[in-house]
N, C-alpha and C. Protein backbone atom coordinates (compact mmCIF):
# COMPACT_ATOMS: atom_id res chain seq x y z
N MET A 1 0.83 -1.17 0.01
CA MET A 1 -0.02 -0.01 0.01
C MET A 1 0.89 1.26 0.01
N CYS A 2 0.40 2.38 -0.50
CA CYS A 2 1.14 3.61 -0.55
C CYS A 2 1.46 4.08 0.86
N GLU A 3 2.65 4.66 0.99
CA GLU A 3 3.04 5.24 2.26
C GLU A 3 2.52 6.64 2.48
N PHE A 4 1.80 7.14 1.51
CA PHE A 4 1.29 8.48 1.55
C PHE A 4 -0.05 8.55 0.87
N ALA A 5 -0.80 9.64 1.06
CA ALA A 5 -2.13 9.75 0.41
C ALA A 5 -1.91 10.07 -1.09
N MET A 6 -2.57 9.35 -1.93
CA MET A 6 -2.44 9.58 -3.37
C MET A 6 -3.86 9.40 -4.01
N GLN A 7 -4.16 10.40 -4.83
CA GLN A 7 -5.46 10.31 -5.57
C GLN A 7 -5.19 10.88 -6.96
N VAL A 8 -5.77 10.21 -7.93
CA VAL A 8 -5.61 10.65 -9.32
C VAL A 8 -7.02 10.90 -9.90
N GLU A 9 -7.18 12.08 -10.55
CA GLU A 9 -8.44 12.39 -11.22
C GLU A 9 -8.19 12.55 -12.67
N LEU A 10 -9.02 11.88 -13.48
CA LEU A 10 -8.91 11.93 -14.95
C LEU A 10 -10.18 12.53 -15.51
N THR A 11 -10.01 13.58 -16.31
CA THR A 11 -11.11 14.20 -17.04
C THR A 11 -10.83 14.01 -18.53
N VAL A 12 -11.80 13.52 -19.25
CA VAL A 12 -11.68 13.29 -20.67
C VAL A 12 -12.65 14.25 -21.39
N ASP A 13 -12.11 14.94 -22.39
CA ASP A 13 -12.90 15.91 -23.15
C ASP A 13 -12.69 15.63 -24.61
N GLY A 14 -13.71 15.92 -25.41
CA GLY A 14 -13.60 15.78 -26.82
C GLY A 14 -13.85 14.36 -27.23
N GLY A 15 -13.51 14.08 -28.48
CA GLY A 15 -13.78 12.75 -29.04
C GLY A 15 -15.09 12.77 -29.82
N PHE A 16 -15.34 11.74 -30.57
CA PHE A 16 -16.55 11.65 -31.38
C PHE A 16 -17.77 11.59 -30.48
N ALA A 17 -18.78 12.38 -30.78
CA ALA A 17 -20.03 12.44 -30.06
C ALA A 17 -19.84 12.77 -28.60
N CYS A 18 -18.98 13.77 -28.27
CA CYS A 18 -18.73 14.15 -26.91
C CYS A 18 -19.88 14.93 -26.34
N PHE A 19 -20.30 14.63 -25.12
CA PHE A 19 -21.34 15.31 -24.40
C PHE A 19 -20.73 15.86 -23.11
N PRO A 20 -20.14 17.08 -23.13
CA PRO A 20 -19.43 17.58 -21.98
C PRO A 20 -20.26 17.56 -20.66
N GLY A 21 -21.53 17.84 -20.73
CA GLY A 21 -22.35 17.86 -19.54
C GLY A 21 -22.48 16.50 -18.88
N LEU A 22 -22.29 15.46 -19.67
CA LEU A 22 -22.41 14.10 -19.14
C LEU A 22 -21.09 13.48 -18.72
N ALA A 23 -20.02 14.12 -19.09
CA ALA A 23 -18.69 13.59 -18.78
C ALA A 23 -18.38 13.87 -17.30
N LYS A 24 -18.09 12.82 -16.58
CA LYS A 24 -17.74 12.96 -15.18
C LYS A 24 -16.27 12.54 -15.00
N PRO A 25 -15.56 13.22 -14.12
CA PRO A 25 -14.21 12.77 -13.92
C PRO A 25 -14.13 11.41 -13.26
N ILE A 26 -13.07 10.69 -13.57
CA ILE A 26 -12.85 9.38 -12.94
C ILE A 26 -11.79 9.61 -11.82
N ILE A 27 -12.10 9.25 -10.63
CA ILE A 27 -11.21 9.46 -9.48
C ILE A 27 -10.81 8.11 -8.92
N VAL A 28 -9.49 7.93 -8.76
CA VAL A 28 -8.96 6.73 -8.18
C VAL A 28 -8.15 7.15 -6.95
N ASP A 29 -8.57 6.63 -5.78
CA ASP A 29 -7.93 6.88 -4.52
C ASP A 29 -7.08 5.65 -4.13
N ALA A 30 -5.82 5.85 -3.96
CA ALA A 30 -4.91 4.69 -3.62
C ALA A 30 -5.35 4.03 -2.33
N ALA A 31 -5.96 4.74 -1.41
CA ALA A 31 -6.35 4.15 -0.13
C ALA A 31 -7.45 3.09 -0.30
N ARG A 32 -8.17 3.16 -1.42
CA ARG A 32 -9.23 2.20 -1.69
C ARG A 32 -8.80 1.03 -2.57
N LEU A 33 -7.54 1.01 -2.91
CA LEU A 33 -7.06 -0.05 -3.81
C LEU A 33 -6.36 -1.11 -2.98
N SER A 34 -6.16 -2.27 -3.58
CA SER A 34 -5.36 -3.30 -3.00
C SER A 34 -3.90 -2.82 -2.93
N GLY A 35 -3.11 -3.47 -2.08
CA GLY A 35 -1.71 -3.06 -1.98
C GLY A 35 -0.97 -3.10 -3.28
N ALA A 36 -1.27 -4.13 -4.08
CA ALA A 36 -0.57 -4.27 -5.37
C ALA A 36 -1.02 -3.20 -6.33
N ASP A 37 -2.32 -2.92 -6.37
CA ASP A 37 -2.83 -1.87 -7.29
C ASP A 37 -2.34 -0.50 -6.86
N ALA A 38 -2.28 -0.24 -5.56
CA ALA A 38 -1.79 1.05 -5.03
C ALA A 38 -0.34 1.27 -5.42
N ALA A 39 0.45 0.22 -5.25
CA ALA A 39 1.90 0.26 -5.60
C ALA A 39 2.06 0.52 -7.12
N HIS A 40 1.19 -0.15 -7.92
CA HIS A 40 1.25 0.02 -9.39
C HIS A 40 0.86 1.43 -9.76
N LEU A 41 -0.16 1.97 -9.13
CA LEU A 41 -0.53 3.34 -9.37
C LEU A 41 0.59 4.34 -9.01
N GLU A 42 1.26 4.06 -7.93
CA GLU A 42 2.41 4.94 -7.52
C GLU A 42 3.49 4.92 -8.61
N ARG A 43 3.82 3.73 -9.10
CA ARG A 43 4.84 3.59 -10.12
C ARG A 43 4.42 4.29 -11.42
N LEU A 44 3.15 4.11 -11.83
CA LEU A 44 2.67 4.74 -13.02
C LEU A 44 2.70 6.28 -12.96
N CYS A 45 2.28 6.81 -11.77
CA CYS A 45 2.31 8.25 -11.57
C CYS A 45 3.72 8.79 -11.64
N ALA A 46 4.67 8.10 -11.01
CA ALA A 46 6.09 8.55 -11.02
C ALA A 46 6.63 8.55 -12.45
N ALA A 47 6.29 7.52 -13.22
CA ALA A 47 6.76 7.45 -14.61
C ALA A 47 6.12 8.51 -15.45
N ALA A 48 4.83 8.73 -15.32
CA ALA A 48 4.14 9.73 -16.13
C ALA A 48 4.64 11.14 -15.78
N LEU A 49 4.87 11.43 -14.52
CA LEU A 49 5.38 12.76 -14.16
C LEU A 49 6.78 12.96 -14.68
N ALA A 50 7.59 11.91 -14.62
CA ALA A 50 8.98 12.07 -15.16
C ALA A 50 8.93 12.26 -16.69
N ALA A 51 8.05 11.58 -17.37
CA ALA A 51 7.93 11.73 -18.82
C ALA A 51 7.46 13.16 -19.17
N ALA A 52 6.53 13.67 -18.35
CA ALA A 52 6.00 15.01 -18.65
C ALA A 52 7.10 16.08 -18.37
N ARG A 53 7.94 15.84 -17.42
CA ARG A 53 9.05 16.77 -17.15
C ARG A 53 10.04 16.82 -18.31
N ARG A 54 10.23 15.67 -18.96
CA ARG A 54 11.17 15.62 -20.08
C ARG A 54 10.60 16.28 -21.36
N SER A 55 9.29 16.37 -21.42
CA SER A 55 8.65 16.94 -22.60
C SER A 55 8.67 18.45 -22.53
N ALA A 56 9.09 19.11 -23.61
CA ALA A 56 9.23 20.55 -23.61
C ALA A 56 7.90 21.29 -23.78
N THR A 57 7.00 20.74 -24.54
CA THR A 57 5.72 21.42 -24.80
C THR A 57 4.56 20.53 -24.49
N PRO A 58 3.43 21.11 -24.06
CA PRO A 58 2.27 20.26 -23.82
C PRO A 58 1.73 19.73 -25.11
N PRO A 59 1.24 18.48 -25.13
CA PRO A 59 0.76 17.91 -26.40
C PRO A 59 -0.54 18.55 -26.86
N ALA A 60 -0.70 18.64 -28.14
CA ALA A 60 -1.92 19.13 -28.73
C ALA A 60 -2.59 18.04 -29.51
N ALA A 61 -3.92 18.14 -29.64
CA ALA A 61 -4.65 17.11 -30.44
C ALA A 61 -4.18 17.23 -31.88
N THR A 62 -3.88 16.06 -32.44
CA THR A 62 -3.35 16.07 -33.82
C THR A 62 -4.33 15.43 -34.81
N VAL A 63 -5.45 14.94 -34.35
CA VAL A 63 -6.48 14.36 -35.21
C VAL A 63 -7.84 14.98 -34.94
N CYS A 64 -8.66 14.94 -35.92
CA CYS A 64 -10.06 15.46 -35.71
C CYS A 64 -10.75 14.61 -34.65
N ASP A 65 -11.58 15.29 -33.87
CA ASP A 65 -12.36 14.64 -32.84
C ASP A 65 -11.49 13.90 -31.83
N ALA A 66 -10.27 14.38 -31.61
CA ALA A 66 -9.38 13.69 -30.68
C ALA A 66 -9.84 13.94 -29.23
N ARG A 67 -9.59 12.98 -28.43
CA ARG A 67 -9.88 13.11 -27.00
C ARG A 67 -8.69 13.83 -26.34
N ARG A 68 -9.04 14.63 -25.35
CA ARG A 68 -8.05 15.36 -24.57
C ARG A 68 -8.19 14.85 -23.15
N TYR A 69 -7.05 14.58 -22.52
CA TYR A 69 -7.04 14.02 -21.18
C TYR A 69 -6.39 15.00 -20.21
N HIS A 70 -6.99 15.18 -19.08
CA HIS A 70 -6.41 16.03 -18.03
C HIS A 70 -6.30 15.18 -16.76
N LEU A 71 -5.09 14.98 -16.29
CA LEU A 71 -4.86 14.22 -15.07
C LEU A 71 -4.43 15.14 -13.96
N THR A 72 -5.02 15.00 -12.79
CA THR A 72 -4.61 15.70 -11.61
C THR A 72 -4.12 14.65 -10.63
N ILE A 73 -2.87 14.70 -10.31
CA ILE A 73 -2.26 13.73 -9.37
C ILE A 73 -2.03 14.47 -8.08
N ASP A 74 -2.70 13.97 -7.05
CA ASP A 74 -2.60 14.58 -5.69
C ASP A 74 -1.82 13.63 -4.81
N ILE A 75 -0.64 14.09 -4.39
CA ILE A 75 0.19 13.28 -3.47
C ILE A 75 0.38 14.08 -2.19
N ASP A 76 -0.22 13.59 -1.10
CA ASP A 76 -0.14 14.29 0.19
C ASP A 76 -0.52 15.77 0.05
N GLY A 77 -1.58 16.06 -0.70
CA GLY A 77 -2.04 17.41 -0.82
C GLY A 77 -1.35 18.31 -1.83
N VAL A 78 -0.32 17.76 -2.46
CA VAL A 78 0.42 18.48 -3.52
C VAL A 78 -0.10 18.01 -4.86
N GLN A 79 -0.65 18.93 -5.61
CA GLN A 79 -1.24 18.55 -6.89
C GLN A 79 -0.30 18.83 -8.05
N ARG A 80 -0.25 17.89 -8.97
CA ARG A 80 0.50 18.03 -10.20
C ARG A 80 -0.49 17.70 -11.33
N GLU A 81 -0.35 18.46 -12.43
CA GLU A 81 -1.30 18.25 -13.50
C GLU A 81 -0.59 17.84 -14.83
N LEU A 82 -1.24 16.95 -15.53
CA LEU A 82 -0.70 16.50 -16.80
C LEU A 82 -1.81 16.61 -17.86
N ASP A 83 -1.47 17.00 -19.04
CA ASP A 83 -2.40 17.01 -20.15
C ASP A 83 -1.86 16.20 -21.31
N ALA A 84 -2.74 15.52 -21.95
CA ALA A 84 -2.40 14.70 -23.15
C ALA A 84 -3.55 14.75 -24.14
N ALA A 85 -3.24 14.37 -25.35
CA ALA A 85 -4.29 14.33 -26.39
C ALA A 85 -4.01 13.12 -27.28
N ASP A 86 -5.07 12.59 -27.86
CA ASP A 86 -4.93 11.49 -28.78
C ASP A 86 -4.19 11.91 -30.02
N PRO A 87 -3.33 11.15 -30.51
CA PRO A 87 -2.77 9.94 -29.93
C PRO A 87 -1.81 10.32 -28.82
N VAL A 88 -1.90 9.66 -27.70
CA VAL A 88 -0.99 9.96 -26.57
C VAL A 88 0.41 9.48 -26.94
N SER A 89 1.36 10.39 -27.00
CA SER A 89 2.70 10.05 -27.49
C SER A 89 3.63 9.52 -26.44
N GLN A 90 3.29 9.71 -25.18
CA GLN A 90 4.19 9.24 -24.10
C GLN A 90 3.59 7.97 -23.51
N PRO A 91 4.28 6.87 -23.70
CA PRO A 91 3.75 5.55 -23.18
C PRO A 91 3.44 5.57 -21.69
N ALA A 92 4.25 6.26 -20.90
CA ALA A 92 3.98 6.26 -19.45
C ALA A 92 2.70 6.99 -19.12
N VAL A 93 2.40 8.05 -19.81
CA VAL A 93 1.15 8.80 -19.63
C VAL A 93 -0.02 7.93 -20.11
N ALA A 94 0.15 7.31 -21.24
CA ALA A 94 -0.93 6.43 -21.79
C ALA A 94 -1.22 5.29 -20.83
N ALA A 95 -0.19 4.72 -20.23
CA ALA A 95 -0.39 3.63 -19.25
C ALA A 95 -1.15 4.10 -18.03
N LEU A 96 -0.87 5.31 -17.55
CA LEU A 96 -1.56 5.85 -16.40
C LEU A 96 -3.04 6.11 -16.75
N ILE A 97 -3.31 6.66 -17.92
CA ILE A 97 -4.66 6.91 -18.35
C ILE A 97 -5.45 5.62 -18.42
N THR A 98 -4.83 4.59 -19.03
CA THR A 98 -5.49 3.25 -19.13
C THR A 98 -5.80 2.70 -17.72
N PHE A 99 -4.83 2.74 -16.83
CA PHE A 99 -5.01 2.20 -15.49
C PHE A 99 -6.13 2.92 -14.71
N VAL A 100 -6.10 4.25 -14.77
CA VAL A 100 -7.15 5.01 -14.08
C VAL A 100 -8.52 4.72 -14.65
N THR A 101 -8.61 4.66 -15.98
CA THR A 101 -9.86 4.35 -16.63
C THR A 101 -10.39 2.98 -16.25
N ASP A 102 -9.52 2.01 -16.28
CA ASP A 102 -9.88 0.61 -15.91
C ASP A 102 -10.32 0.49 -14.49
N VAL A 103 -9.49 1.00 -13.58
CA VAL A 103 -9.74 0.87 -12.13
C VAL A 103 -10.93 1.73 -11.68
N GLY A 104 -11.04 2.90 -12.28
CA GLY A 104 -12.11 3.84 -11.91
C GLY A 104 -13.49 3.37 -12.35
N ARG A 105 -13.54 2.50 -13.30
CA ARG A 105 -14.86 2.02 -13.76
C ARG A 105 -15.22 0.64 -13.28
N ARG A 106 -14.47 0.12 -12.35
CA ARG A 106 -14.76 -1.21 -11.75
C ARG A 106 -15.98 -1.11 -10.89
């Protein structure tokens, strides 16, 4: 289990037939996950944040009707934000988006 409080919020905007009023953020709280899932979330967040630091510019949507992703990673009350757009070019960010989507919809 995480040694600190961690929560990730994912907001998805855009895409084919997007209905912004119906889109709700997906929130994953590490405290509610199994120890293995919480540890995996911690590793994914660290990798995604490191990848975002290496990137010089925020990604922009490169295809029509692309989805845009906004991640808010809260670690012990300190929030960090990441933005991505389809196609997500950073594998670490894509893996975090997939994990949060999968776990958040269980």
